[in-house]
Amino acid sequence: MKISQLSIDNFRGVRTAHLLLPDHAVLIGDNNTGKSTILEALDLVLGPDRLSRLSPIDEHDFHLGRYLQADTASDAASSGAANDEAATGPPQIVVTATVTGLSEEQRSYFGDYIEWWDASKLAFYDTPDPAGLDASPSVPALRITFIGNYDPEEDDFEGKTYFTRTLEENETPAPFTKRDKQKCGFLYLRSIRTGSRALTLERGSLLDG
């Protein structure tokens, strides 16, 4: 399994970013250039440990700390936001990952949500032509999207992960659950201590299931 594409909107130091990743990728850069932000964004989408928290995000995860809807366009402009923010609703953190290199077991498990990624064009195959699909260098892929926002009624932050295609095709999107995340086997080791806990059978660990 590998990440072929990653889109990040409104998360920490990233206003918007779209990354295409090769088979092997190394993140290199000075401190505070966004390396950890990319890994944390992947953890929001694929990390099962995130779902064990009361809320997977907080106010510090929003770009420039803005998580409230601007009351007016002038307020949005004065805070550095786009003038249309007031019209488009409150800020959301949106992270979408494209997962390829799926095993036979993963393809069988996620069968209803599998799409086809054209490795030559670095884009999804969307032409309804089975013959063309057979002739193209397309591979099974899975798109997963995390959406986070602030709920003023509950005065709390919430974040949920979905199969991306159901956000586009269904009135009720299908959640990407902790069990689904465990099937992907993603593990973000922030430190030796965090990694040791993640590989134990403690509640909320990767092996707790």
N, C-alpha and C. Protein backbone atom coordinates (compact mmCIF):
# COMPACT_ATOMS: atom_id res chain seq x y z
N MET A 1 0.84 -1.19 0.00
CA MET A 1 0.00 0.00 0.00
C MET A 1 0.87 1.24 0.00
N LYS A 2 0.49 2.24 -0.79
CA LYS A 2 1.24 3.50 -0.79
C LYS A 2 0.30 4.66 -1.10
N ILE A 3 0.74 5.85 -0.74
CA ILE A 3 -0.02 7.06 -1.01
C ILE A 3 0.48 7.65 -2.32
N SER A 4 -0.40 7.77 -3.31
CA SER A 4 -0.01 8.32 -4.61
C SER A 4 -0.37 9.79 -4.75
N GLN A 5 -1.35 10.24 -3.98
CA GLN A 5 -1.81 11.62 -4.11
C GLN A 5 -2.35 12.09 -2.76
N LEU A 6 -2.08 13.35 -2.44
CA LEU A 6 -2.57 13.90 -1.18
C LEU A 6 -2.98 15.35 -1.41
N SER A 7 -4.20 15.69 -1.01
CA SER A 7 -4.69 17.06 -1.08
C SER A 7 -4.98 17.55 0.34
N ILE A 8 -4.53 18.76 0.65
CA ILE A 8 -4.70 19.33 1.99
C ILE A 8 -5.28 20.72 1.85
N ASP A 9 -6.34 21.00 2.59
CA ASP A 9 -6.94 22.33 2.61
C ASP A 9 -7.15 22.78 4.05
N ASN A 10 -6.62 23.96 4.35
CA ASN A 10 -6.91 24.65 5.61
C ASN A 10 -6.39 23.93 6.84
N PHE A 11 -5.28 23.23 6.71
CA PHE A 11 -4.74 22.47 7.84
C PHE A 11 -3.40 23.05 8.27
N ARG A 12 -3.35 23.55 9.48
CA ARG A 12 -2.15 24.11 10.09
C ARG A 12 -1.51 25.16 9.18
N GLY A 13 -0.24 24.96 8.80
CA GLY A 13 0.43 25.97 7.99
C GLY A 13 0.12 25.89 6.51
N VAL A 14 -0.77 24.98 6.11
CA VAL A 14 -1.08 24.79 4.70
C VAL A 14 -2.47 25.34 4.39
N ARG A 15 -2.52 26.36 3.55
CA ARG A 15 -3.83 26.86 3.10
C ARG A 15 -4.43 25.89 2.10
N THR A 16 -3.65 25.53 1.10
CA THR A 16 -4.08 24.51 0.15
C THR A 16 -2.85 23.91 -0.51
N ALA A 17 -2.86 22.61 -0.72
CA ALA A 17 -1.73 21.92 -1.35
C ALA A 17 -2.23 20.66 -2.04
N HIS A 18 -1.56 20.31 -3.12
CA HIS A 18 -1.89 19.09 -3.86
C HIS A 18 -0.58 18.41 -4.20
N LEU A 19 -0.36 17.22 -3.65
CA LEU A 19 0.91 16.52 -3.81
C LEU A 19 0.72 15.23 -4.58
N LEU A 20 1.59 14.99 -5.56
CA LEU A 20 1.67 13.72 -6.26
C LEU A 20 2.95 13.04 -5.81
N LEU A 21 2.83 11.84 -5.27
CA LEU A 21 3.97 11.17 -4.65
C LEU A 21 4.43 9.99 -5.49
N PRO A 22 5.74 9.86 -5.69
CA PRO A 22 6.27 8.71 -6.44
C PRO A 22 6.24 7.45 -5.58
N ASP A 23 6.76 6.36 -6.13
CA ASP A 23 6.77 5.10 -5.38
C ASP A 23 7.53 5.23 -4.07
N HIS A 24 8.62 6.00 -4.09
CA HIS A 24 9.39 6.23 -2.87
C HIS A 24 9.60 7.72 -2.72
N ALA A 25 9.20 8.26 -1.58
CA ALA A 25 9.30 9.70 -1.37
C ALA A 25 9.97 9.99 -0.04
N VAL A 26 10.83 10.99 -0.04
CA VAL A 26 11.50 11.45 1.18
C VAL A 26 11.20 12.94 1.34
N LEU A 27 10.73 13.33 2.52
CA LEU A 27 10.45 14.74 2.80
C LEU A 27 11.69 15.37 3.42
N ILE A 28 12.25 16.37 2.75
CA ILE A 28 13.45 17.03 3.20
C ILE A 28 13.20 18.53 3.27
N GLY A 29 13.61 19.16 4.35
CA GLY A 29 13.45 20.60 4.45
C GLY A 29 13.83 21.10 5.83
N ASP A 30 13.95 22.42 5.95
CA ASP A 30 14.26 23.03 7.23
C ASP A 30 13.09 22.87 8.19
N ASN A 31 13.32 23.23 9.44
CA ASN A 31 12.24 23.22 10.43
C ASN A 31 11.14 24.20 10.00
N ASN A 32 9.91 23.84 10.36
CA ASN A 32 8.75 24.70 10.09
C ASN A 32 8.50 24.95 8.60
N THR A 33 8.78 23.95 7.80
CA THR A 33 8.48 24.07 6.37
C THR A 33 7.33 23.17 5.93
N GLY A 34 6.73 22.43 6.87
CA GLY A 34 5.53 21.67 6.55
C GLY A 34 5.68 20.16 6.47
N LYS A 35 6.85 19.63 6.77
CA LYS A 35 7.04 18.18 6.68
C LYS A 35 6.10 17.45 7.65
N SER A 36 6.10 17.88 8.90
CA SER A 36 5.25 17.22 9.90
C SER A 36 3.78 17.44 9.59
N THR A 37 3.44 18.58 9.01
CA THR A 37 2.04 18.85 8.66
C THR A 37 1.53 17.83 7.66
N ILE A 38 2.36 17.48 6.68
CA ILE A 38 1.97 16.47 5.70
C ILE A 38 1.73 15.13 6.37
N LEU A 39 2.61 14.74 7.28
CA LEU A 39 2.46 13.46 7.98
C LEU A 39 1.25 13.47 8.91
N GLU A 40 1.02 14.60 9.57
CA GLU A 40 -0.16 14.71 10.44
C GLU A 40 -1.44 14.67 9.62
N ALA A 41 -1.41 15.26 8.42
CA ALA A 41 -2.58 15.21 7.54
C ALA A 41 -2.88 13.76 7.14
N LEU A 42 -1.83 13.01 6.82
CA LEU A 42 -2.03 11.59 6.52
C LEU A 42 -2.59 10.84 7.71
N ASP A 43 -2.15 11.21 8.90
CA ASP A 43 -2.64 10.56 10.11
C ASP A 43 -4.12 10.85 10.33
N LEU A 44 -4.57 12.06 9.98
CA LEU A 44 -5.99 12.38 10.09
C LEU A 44 -6.83 11.44 9.22
N VAL A 45 -6.32 11.14 8.03
CA VAL A 45 -7.07 10.31 7.10
C VAL A 45 -6.98 8.83 7.44
N LEU A 46 -5.77 8.36 7.76
CA LEU A 46 -5.53 6.92 7.85
C LEU A 46 -5.20 6.40 9.25
N GLY A 47 -4.88 7.28 10.19
CA GLY A 47 -4.45 6.84 11.51
C GLY A 47 -5.58 6.41 12.41
N PRO A 48 -5.67 5.13 12.78
CA PRO A 48 -6.77 4.66 13.65
C PRO A 48 -6.74 5.27 15.03
N ASP A 49 -5.55 5.69 15.51
CA ASP A 49 -5.45 6.25 16.85
C ASP A 49 -6.21 7.57 16.98
N ARG A 50 -6.36 8.30 15.88
CA ARG A 50 -7.07 9.58 15.90
C ARG A 50 -8.53 9.40 16.34
N LEU A 51 -9.13 8.27 15.96
CA LEU A 51 -10.54 8.05 16.27
C LEU A 51 -10.77 7.74 17.74
N SER A 52 -9.70 7.51 18.50
CA SER A 52 -9.84 7.23 19.92
C SER A 52 -9.91 8.51 20.74
N ARG A 53 -9.65 9.65 20.12
CA ARG A 53 -9.70 10.92 20.83
C ARG A 53 -11.12 11.45 20.84
N LEU A 54 -11.44 12.28 21.84
CA LEU A 54 -12.76 12.90 21.88
C LEU A 54 -12.99 13.74 20.64
N SER A 55 -11.96 14.45 20.21
CA SER A 55 -12.00 15.17 18.95
C SER A 55 -10.64 15.03 18.28
N PRO A 56 -10.61 14.65 17.02
CA PRO A 56 -9.31 14.45 16.35
C PRO A 56 -8.60 15.75 16.00
N ILE A 57 -9.30 16.89 16.14
CA ILE A 57 -8.71 18.19 15.82
C ILE A 57 -9.05 19.20 16.91
N ASP A 58 -8.32 20.33 16.90
CA ASP A 58 -8.66 21.45 17.77
C ASP A 58 -8.40 22.74 17.03
N GLU A 59 -8.54 23.89 17.73
CA GLU A 59 -8.43 25.18 17.05
C GLU A 59 -7.06 25.41 16.41
N HIS A 60 -6.02 24.78 16.96
CA HIS A 60 -4.67 24.99 16.44
C HIS A 60 -4.44 24.28 15.11
N ASP A 61 -5.34 23.36 14.76
CA ASP A 61 -5.18 22.63 13.50
C ASP A 61 -5.69 23.41 12.30
N PHE A 62 -6.45 24.48 12.53
CA PHE A 62 -6.98 25.26 11.42
C PHE A 62 -5.95 26.28 10.94
N HIS A 63 -5.90 26.48 9.64
CA HIS A 63 -4.95 27.42 9.06
C HIS A 63 -5.15 28.82 9.67
N LEU A 64 -4.07 29.38 10.19
CA LEU A 64 -4.07 30.68 10.87
C LEU A 64 -4.99 30.71 12.09
N GLY A 65 -5.38 29.54 12.57
CA GLY A 65 -6.23 29.46 13.76
C GLY A 65 -7.66 29.92 13.52
N ARG A 66 -8.08 30.04 12.25
CA ARG A 66 -9.43 30.52 11.95
C ARG A 66 -10.37 29.33 11.80
N TYR A 67 -11.26 29.17 12.74
CA TYR A 67 -12.22 28.08 12.67
C TYR A 67 -13.66 28.57 12.73
N LEU A 68 -13.86 29.89 12.93
CA LEU A 68 -15.20 30.46 12.98
C LEU A 68 -15.54 31.12 11.65
N GLN A 69 -16.81 31.04 11.27
CA GLN A 69 -17.25 31.70 10.06
C GLN A 69 -17.21 33.21 10.25
N ALA A 70 -16.64 33.92 9.27
CA ALA A 70 -16.61 35.38 9.33
C ALA A 70 -18.02 35.92 9.21
N ASP A 71 -18.36 36.93 10.03
CA ASP A 71 -19.71 37.49 10.02
C ASP A 71 -20.00 38.27 8.75
N THR A 72 -18.98 38.94 8.23
CA THR A 72 -19.17 39.74 7.02
C THR A 72 -17.95 39.57 6.13
N ALA A 73 -18.09 39.99 4.89
CA ALA A 73 -16.96 39.90 3.96
C ALA A 73 -15.82 40.78 4.42
N SER A 74 -16.15 41.93 5.03
CA SER A 74 -15.09 42.82 5.50
C SER A 74 -14.32 42.20 6.65
N ASP A 75 -15.04 41.47 7.53
CA ASP A 75 -14.36 40.76 8.62
C ASP A 75 -13.41 39.72 8.04
N ALA A 76 -13.87 39.02 7.01
CA ALA A 76 -13.04 37.99 6.39
C ALA A 76 -11.80 38.60 5.78
N ALA A 77 -11.97 39.76 5.11
CA ALA A 77 -10.83 40.39 4.48
C ALA A 77 -9.84 40.90 5.51
N SER A 78 -10.34 41.45 6.61
CA SER A 78 -9.44 42.00 7.61
C SER A 78 -8.66 40.92 8.34
N SER A 79 -9.20 39.70 8.36
CA SER A 79 -8.51 38.60 9.03
C SER A 79 -7.61 37.84 8.08
N GLY A 80 -7.57 38.27 6.81
CA GLY A 80 -6.71 37.61 5.83
C GLY A 80 -7.41 36.50 5.08
N ALA A 81 -8.71 36.31 5.31
CA ALA A 81 -9.46 35.26 4.61
C ALA A 81 -9.96 35.79 3.29
N ALA A 82 -10.38 34.88 2.42
CA ALA A 82 -10.94 35.28 1.14
C ALA A 82 -12.26 35.99 1.37
N ASN A 83 -12.61 36.93 0.48
CA ASN A 83 -13.82 37.72 0.66
C ASN A 83 -15.09 36.89 0.60
N ASP A 84 -15.02 35.73 -0.02
CA ASP A 84 -16.23 34.91 -0.14
C ASP A 84 -16.36 33.90 0.97
N GLU A 85 -15.53 33.95 1.99
CA GLU A 85 -15.60 32.96 3.07
C GLU A 85 -16.95 33.00 3.77
N ALA A 86 -17.47 34.24 3.99
CA ALA A 86 -18.74 34.37 4.70
C ALA A 86 -19.86 33.69 3.93
N ALA A 87 -19.75 33.68 2.59
CA ALA A 87 -20.81 33.10 1.79
C ALA A 87 -20.67 31.59 1.65
N THR A 88 -19.48 31.07 1.82
CA THR A 88 -19.27 29.64 1.59
C THR A 88 -19.37 28.81 2.86
N GLY A 89 -19.58 29.43 4.00
CA GLY A 89 -19.74 28.69 5.24
C GLY A 89 -18.49 28.73 6.09
N PRO A 90 -18.55 28.11 7.26
CA PRO A 90 -17.41 28.12 8.19
C PRO A 90 -16.24 27.35 7.63
N PRO A 91 -15.03 27.67 8.09
CA PRO A 91 -13.83 26.97 7.60
C PRO A 91 -13.89 25.47 7.91
N GLN A 92 -13.36 24.69 6.99
CA GLN A 92 -13.26 23.25 7.17
C GLN A 92 -11.83 22.81 6.87
N ILE A 93 -11.39 21.82 7.62
CA ILE A 93 -10.16 21.11 7.27
C ILE A 93 -10.56 19.94 6.38
N VAL A 94 -9.97 19.87 5.19
CA VAL A 94 -10.28 18.78 4.27
C VAL A 94 -8.97 18.16 3.78
N VAL A 95 -8.83 16.87 4.01
CA VAL A 95 -7.64 16.14 3.57
C VAL A 95 -8.10 14.90 2.81
N THR A 96 -7.61 14.74 1.59
CA THR A 96 -7.98 13.58 0.78
C THR A 96 -6.72 12.84 0.34
N ALA A 97 -6.70 11.55 0.58
CA ALA A 97 -5.56 10.71 0.20
C ALA A 97 -6.01 9.67 -0.83
N THR A 98 -5.16 9.47 -1.82
CA THR A 98 -5.37 8.40 -2.80
C THR A 98 -4.40 7.27 -2.48
N VAL A 99 -4.96 6.11 -2.17
CA VAL A 99 -4.16 4.95 -1.77
C VAL A 99 -4.12 3.94 -2.90
N THR A 100 -2.91 3.56 -3.31
CA THR A 100 -2.73 2.53 -4.34
C THR A 100 -1.88 1.40 -3.75
N GLY A 101 -1.49 0.46 -4.61
CA GLY A 101 -0.69 -0.67 -4.14
C GLY A 101 -1.47 -1.55 -3.19
N LEU A 102 -2.77 -1.68 -3.42
CA LEU A 102 -3.63 -2.46 -2.53
C LEU A 102 -3.37 -3.96 -2.71
N SER A 103 -3.35 -4.65 -1.59
CA SER A 103 -3.20 -6.10 -1.64
C SER A 103 -4.50 -6.74 -2.11
N GLU A 104 -4.43 -8.02 -2.44
CA GLU A 104 -5.64 -8.73 -2.85
C GLU A 104 -6.68 -8.71 -1.74
N GLU A 105 -6.23 -8.86 -0.50
CA GLU A 105 -7.15 -8.82 0.63
C GLU A 105 -7.81 -7.45 0.76
N GLN A 106 -7.03 -6.39 0.60
CA GLN A 106 -7.58 -5.04 0.68
C GLN A 106 -8.56 -4.77 -0.46
N ARG A 107 -8.23 -5.23 -1.67
CA ARG A 107 -9.12 -5.03 -2.81
C ARG A 107 -10.45 -5.73 -2.58
N SER A 108 -10.40 -6.91 -1.98
CA SER A 108 -11.62 -7.65 -1.69
C SER A 108 -12.44 -6.95 -0.59
N TYR A 109 -11.75 -6.47 0.43
CA TYR A 109 -12.43 -5.84 1.57
C TYR A 109 -13.08 -4.51 1.16
N PHE A 110 -12.38 -3.70 0.36
CA PHE A 110 -12.87 -2.38 -0.02
C PHE A 110 -13.56 -2.39 -1.39
N GLY A 111 -13.97 -3.57 -1.84
CA GLY A 111 -14.46 -3.73 -3.21
C GLY A 111 -15.44 -2.69 -3.69
N ASP A 112 -16.44 -2.34 -2.90
CA ASP A 112 -17.48 -1.40 -3.34
C ASP A 112 -16.95 0.01 -3.54
N TYR A 113 -15.78 0.30 -2.98
CA TYR A 113 -15.28 1.68 -3.02
C TYR A 113 -14.02 1.83 -3.89
N ILE A 114 -13.64 0.76 -4.55
CA ILE A 114 -12.44 0.79 -5.38
C ILE A 114 -12.66 1.67 -6.62
N GLU A 115 -11.66 2.49 -6.95
CA GLU A 115 -11.64 3.25 -8.19
C GLU A 115 -10.37 2.87 -8.94
N TRP A 116 -10.14 3.51 -10.09
CA TRP A 116 -8.99 3.12 -10.91
C TRP A 116 -8.10 4.32 -11.16
N TRP A 117 -6.84 4.18 -10.78
CA TRP A 117 -5.85 5.24 -10.88
C TRP A 117 -4.94 4.98 -12.06
N ASP A 118 -4.89 5.93 -13.00
CA ASP A 118 -4.04 5.81 -14.17
C ASP A 118 -2.65 6.33 -13.82
N ALA A 119 -1.71 5.42 -13.66
CA ALA A 119 -0.37 5.79 -13.21
C ALA A 119 0.38 6.61 -14.25
N SER A 120 0.01 6.48 -15.53
CA SER A 120 0.71 7.24 -16.57
C SER A 120 0.25 8.69 -16.61
N LYS A 121 -1.03 8.92 -16.32
CA LYS A 121 -1.58 10.28 -16.35
C LYS A 121 -1.67 10.90 -14.96
N LEU A 122 -1.39 10.09 -13.91
CA LEU A 122 -1.50 10.54 -12.52
C LEU A 122 -2.88 11.15 -12.27
N ALA A 123 -3.88 10.41 -12.70
CA ALA A 123 -5.27 10.86 -12.54
C ALA A 123 -6.17 9.64 -12.52
N PHE A 124 -7.42 9.83 -12.10
CA PHE A 124 -8.35 8.71 -12.05
C PHE A 124 -8.93 8.44 -13.44
N TYR A 125 -9.11 7.17 -13.71
CA TYR A 125 -9.74 6.75 -14.96
C TYR A 125 -11.24 6.91 -14.79
N ASP A 126 -11.86 7.78 -15.59
CA ASP A 126 -13.28 8.07 -15.40
C ASP A 126 -14.11 7.82 -16.64
N THR A 127 -13.54 7.15 -17.64
CA THR A 127 -14.28 6.85 -18.87
C THR A 127 -14.95 5.49 -18.73
N PRO A 128 -16.27 5.44 -18.89
CA PRO A 128 -16.98 4.16 -18.74
C PRO A 128 -16.77 3.24 -19.93
N ASP A 129 -15.53 2.74 -20.06
CA ASP A 129 -15.18 1.89 -21.19
C ASP A 129 -14.27 0.76 -20.70
N PRO A 130 -14.85 -0.41 -20.39
CA PRO A 130 -14.04 -1.52 -19.86
C PRO A 130 -12.87 -1.89 -20.76
N ALA A 131 -13.06 -1.80 -22.08
CA ALA A 131 -11.96 -2.14 -23.00
C ALA A 131 -10.81 -1.15 -22.84
N GLY A 132 -11.16 0.12 -22.69
CA GLY A 132 -10.13 1.14 -22.49
C GLY A 132 -9.42 0.96 -21.17
N LEU A 133 -10.16 0.53 -20.16
CA LEU A 133 -9.56 0.29 -18.84
C LEU A 133 -8.54 -0.84 -18.91
N ASP A 134 -8.89 -1.90 -19.64
CA ASP A 134 -7.97 -3.03 -19.77
C ASP A 134 -6.68 -2.63 -20.47
N ALA A 135 -6.78 -1.68 -21.40
CA ALA A 135 -5.61 -1.28 -22.18
C ALA A 135 -4.78 -0.20 -21.49
N SER A 136 -5.30 0.40 -20.43
CA SER A 136 -4.59 1.48 -19.76
C SER A 136 -3.77 0.95 -18.59
N PRO A 137 -2.75 1.71 -18.17
CA PRO A 137 -1.94 1.28 -17.02
C PRO A 137 -2.59 1.65 -15.69
N SER A 138 -3.87 1.35 -15.56
CA SER A 138 -4.61 1.72 -14.35
C SER A 138 -4.48 0.65 -13.28
N VAL A 139 -4.52 1.10 -12.02
CA VAL A 139 -4.41 0.18 -10.89
C VAL A 139 -5.54 0.47 -9.90
N PRO A 140 -5.97 -0.53 -9.14
CA PRO A 140 -7.02 -0.29 -8.14
C PRO A 140 -6.55 0.74 -7.12
N ALA A 141 -7.47 1.61 -6.72
CA ALA A 141 -7.12 2.68 -5.78
C ALA A 141 -8.31 2.98 -4.88
N LEU A 142 -8.00 3.65 -3.81
CA LEU A 142 -9.00 4.01 -2.81
C LEU A 142 -8.81 5.48 -2.46
N ARG A 143 -9.89 6.25 -2.52
CA ARG A 143 -9.82 7.65 -2.10
C ARG A 143 -10.53 7.80 -0.74
N ILE A 144 -9.86 8.50 0.17
CA ILE A 144 -10.39 8.67 1.52
C ILE A 144 -10.28 10.15 1.88
N THR A 145 -11.35 10.71 2.47
CA THR A 145 -11.38 12.13 2.80
C THR A 145 -11.73 12.35 4.26
N PHE A 146 -10.90 13.17 4.93
CA PHE A 146 -11.20 13.64 6.29
C PHE A 146 -11.77 15.05 6.20
N ILE A 147 -12.85 15.30 6.95
CA ILE A 147 -13.46 16.63 7.02
C ILE A 147 -13.60 17.02 8.48
N GLY A 148 -13.02 18.15 8.84
CA GLY A 148 -13.09 18.63 10.22
C GLY A 148 -13.62 20.04 10.28
N ASN A 149 -14.37 20.35 11.33
CA ASN A 149 -14.93 21.68 11.49
C ASN A 149 -15.29 21.93 12.95
N TYR A 150 -15.68 23.16 13.23
CA TYR A 150 -16.12 23.55 14.57
C TYR A 150 -17.64 23.61 14.58
N ASP A 151 -18.24 22.99 15.61
CA ASP A 151 -19.70 22.99 15.78
C ASP A 151 -20.05 24.00 16.86
N PRO A 152 -20.59 25.18 16.49
CA PRO A 152 -20.89 26.21 17.50
C PRO A 152 -21.98 25.80 18.48
N GLU A 153 -22.92 24.95 18.05
CA GLU A 153 -24.00 24.53 18.95
C GLU A 153 -23.45 23.66 20.08
N GLU A 154 -22.51 22.80 19.74
CA GLU A 154 -21.90 21.93 20.74
C GLU A 154 -20.66 22.57 21.37
N ASP A 155 -20.22 23.68 20.79
CA ASP A 155 -18.99 24.36 21.22
C ASP A 155 -17.84 23.36 21.27
N ASP A 156 -17.70 22.63 20.18
CA ASP A 156 -16.65 21.60 20.14
C ASP A 156 -16.25 21.37 18.69
N PHE A 157 -15.10 20.72 18.53
CA PHE A 157 -14.60 20.41 17.19
C PHE A 157 -14.94 18.97 16.85
N GLU A 158 -15.22 18.73 15.58
CA GLU A 158 -15.54 17.38 15.14
C GLU A 158 -14.82 17.08 13.84
N GLY A 159 -14.49 15.84 13.66
CA GLY A 159 -13.84 15.41 12.43
C GLY A 159 -14.23 14.00 12.08
N LYS A 160 -14.57 13.77 10.84
CA LYS A 160 -14.98 12.45 10.38
C LYS A 160 -14.29 12.12 9.07
N THR A 161 -14.11 10.83 8.82
CA THR A 161 -13.45 10.36 7.62
C THR A 161 -14.42 9.52 6.79
N TYR A 162 -14.37 9.72 5.46
CA TYR A 162 -15.33 9.07 4.58
C TYR A 162 -14.62 8.47 3.36
N PHE A 163 -15.29 7.49 2.73
CA PHE A 163 -14.89 7.05 1.41
C PHE A 163 -15.26 8.19 0.45
N THR A 164 -14.28 8.74 -0.25
CA THR A 164 -14.48 9.97 -1.01
C THR A 164 -15.57 9.84 -2.06
N ARG A 165 -15.62 8.73 -2.74
CA ARG A 165 -16.60 8.61 -3.82
C ARG A 165 -18.03 8.68 -3.30
N THR A 166 -18.26 8.29 -2.03
CA THR A 166 -19.61 8.38 -1.48
C THR A 166 -19.98 9.82 -1.13
N LEU A 167 -18.99 10.67 -0.92
CA LEU A 167 -19.28 12.09 -0.72
C LEU A 167 -19.81 12.71 -2.01
N GLU A 168 -19.36 12.18 -3.14
CA GLU A 168 -19.75 12.71 -4.44
C GLU A 168 -21.00 12.06 -5.00
N GLU A 169 -21.25 10.79 -4.62
CA GLU A 169 -22.31 10.02 -5.26
C GLU A 169 -23.52 9.76 -4.38
N ASN A 170 -23.35 9.77 -3.06
CA ASN A 170 -24.42 9.38 -2.16
C ASN A 170 -24.93 10.55 -1.33
N GLU A 171 -26.22 10.53 -1.01
CA GLU A 171 -26.76 11.54 -0.10
C GLU A 171 -26.21 11.35 1.30
N THR A 172 -26.02 10.09 1.69
CA THR A 172 -25.42 9.79 2.99
C THR A 172 -24.07 9.13 2.75
N PRO A 173 -22.97 9.87 2.94
CA PRO A 173 -21.64 9.30 2.67
C PRO A 173 -21.30 8.18 3.64
N ALA A 174 -20.50 7.25 3.16
CA ALA A 174 -20.10 6.09 3.98
C ALA A 174 -18.87 6.44 4.80
N PRO A 175 -18.92 6.25 6.12
CA PRO A 175 -17.76 6.56 6.97
C PRO A 175 -16.63 5.56 6.78
N PHE A 176 -15.41 6.05 6.89
CA PHE A 176 -14.21 5.22 6.87
C PHE A 176 -13.86 4.98 8.33
N THR A 177 -14.20 3.79 8.83
CA THR A 177 -14.18 3.50 10.26
C THR A 177 -12.80 3.10 10.76
N LYS A 178 -12.71 2.93 12.07
CA LYS A 178 -11.44 2.48 12.66
C LYS A 178 -11.05 1.11 12.12
N ARG A 179 -12.02 0.23 11.94
CA ARG A 179 -11.72 -1.09 11.38
C ARG A 179 -11.17 -0.95 9.96
N ASP A 180 -11.76 -0.03 9.18
CA ASP A 180 -11.26 0.21 7.83
C ASP A 180 -9.82 0.71 7.87
N LYS A 181 -9.54 1.62 8.80
CA LYS A 181 -8.19 2.17 8.92
C LYS A 181 -7.18 1.08 9.31
N GLN A 182 -7.61 0.19 10.17
CA GLN A 182 -6.71 -0.90 10.57
C GLN A 182 -6.40 -1.81 9.39
N LYS A 183 -7.32 -1.93 8.45
CA LYS A 183 -7.08 -2.73 7.25
C LYS A 183 -5.99 -2.12 6.37
N CYS A 184 -5.85 -0.79 6.48
CA CYS A 184 -4.82 -0.12 5.69
C CYS A 184 -3.44 -0.26 6.33
N GLY A 185 -3.40 -0.42 7.65
CA GLY A 185 -2.13 -0.66 8.31
C GLY A 185 -1.22 0.55 8.40
N PHE A 186 -1.79 1.77 8.34
CA PHE A 186 -0.96 2.98 8.44
C PHE A 186 -0.62 3.27 9.89
N LEU A 187 0.63 3.59 10.14
CA LEU A 187 1.06 3.91 11.50
C LEU A 187 2.06 5.05 11.46
N TYR A 188 1.72 6.16 12.10
CA TYR A 188 2.59 7.33 12.15
C TYR A 188 3.29 7.33 13.51
N LEU A 189 4.59 7.09 13.51
CA LEU A 189 5.38 7.04 14.74
C LEU A 189 6.00 8.41 14.99
N ARG A 190 5.41 9.19 15.90
CA ARG A 190 5.93 10.52 16.18
C ARG A 190 7.19 10.47 17.04
N SER A 191 7.24 9.49 17.91
CA SER A 191 8.40 9.35 18.79
C SER A 191 8.48 7.90 19.22
N ILE A 192 9.59 7.54 19.86
CA ILE A 192 9.74 6.16 20.34
C ILE A 192 8.62 5.82 21.31
N ARG A 193 8.28 6.78 22.19
CA ARG A 193 7.25 6.50 23.18
C ARG A 193 5.89 6.28 22.53
N THR A 194 5.56 7.16 21.58
CA THR A 194 4.29 7.02 20.88
C THR A 194 4.26 5.72 20.09
N GLY A 195 5.37 5.39 19.42
CA GLY A 195 5.41 4.17 18.64
C GLY A 195 5.28 2.93 19.48
N SER A 196 5.90 2.93 20.66
CA SER A 196 5.82 1.76 21.54
C SER A 196 4.39 1.53 21.99
N ARG A 197 3.70 2.62 22.33
CA ARG A 197 2.31 2.48 22.77
C ARG A 197 1.43 2.00 21.63
N ALA A 198 1.68 2.51 20.41
CA ALA A 198 0.84 2.16 19.27
C ALA A 198 0.90 0.68 18.95
N LEU A 199 2.00 0.03 19.31
CA LEU A 199 2.18 -1.38 18.98
C LEU A 199 1.86 -2.30 20.16
N THR A 200 1.27 -1.73 21.22
CA THR A 200 0.83 -2.56 22.33
C THR A 200 -0.65 -2.90 22.14
N LEU A 201 -1.20 -3.59 23.12
CA LEU A 201 -2.63 -3.92 23.07
C LEU A 201 -3.44 -2.96 23.93
N GLU A 202 -2.88 -1.79 24.27
CA GLU A 202 -3.61 -0.80 25.06
C GLU A 202 -4.82 -0.31 24.29
N ARG A 203 -5.81 0.17 25.03
CA ARG A 203 -7.00 0.72 24.41
C ARG A 203 -6.61 1.89 23.51
N GLY A 204 -7.10 1.88 22.28
CA GLY A 204 -6.81 2.95 21.35
C GLY A 204 -5.56 2.74 20.52
N SER A 205 -4.82 1.65 20.79
CA SER A 205 -3.61 1.41 20.01
C SER A 205 -3.97 0.79 18.66
N LEU A 206 -2.97 0.68 17.78
CA LEU A 206 -3.21 0.12 16.47
C LEU A 206 -3.70 -1.32 16.55
N LEU A 207 -3.23 -2.06 17.56
CA LEU A 207 -3.58 -3.48 17.69
C LEU A 207 -4.83 -3.71 18.52
N ASP A 208 -5.42 -2.62 19.06
CA ASP A 208 -6.64 -2.76 19.84
C ASP A 208 -7.81 -2.87 18.89
N GLY A 209 -8.45 -4.03 18.88
CA GLY A 209 -9.45 -4.10 17.88
C GLY A 209 -10.58 -4.94 17.98
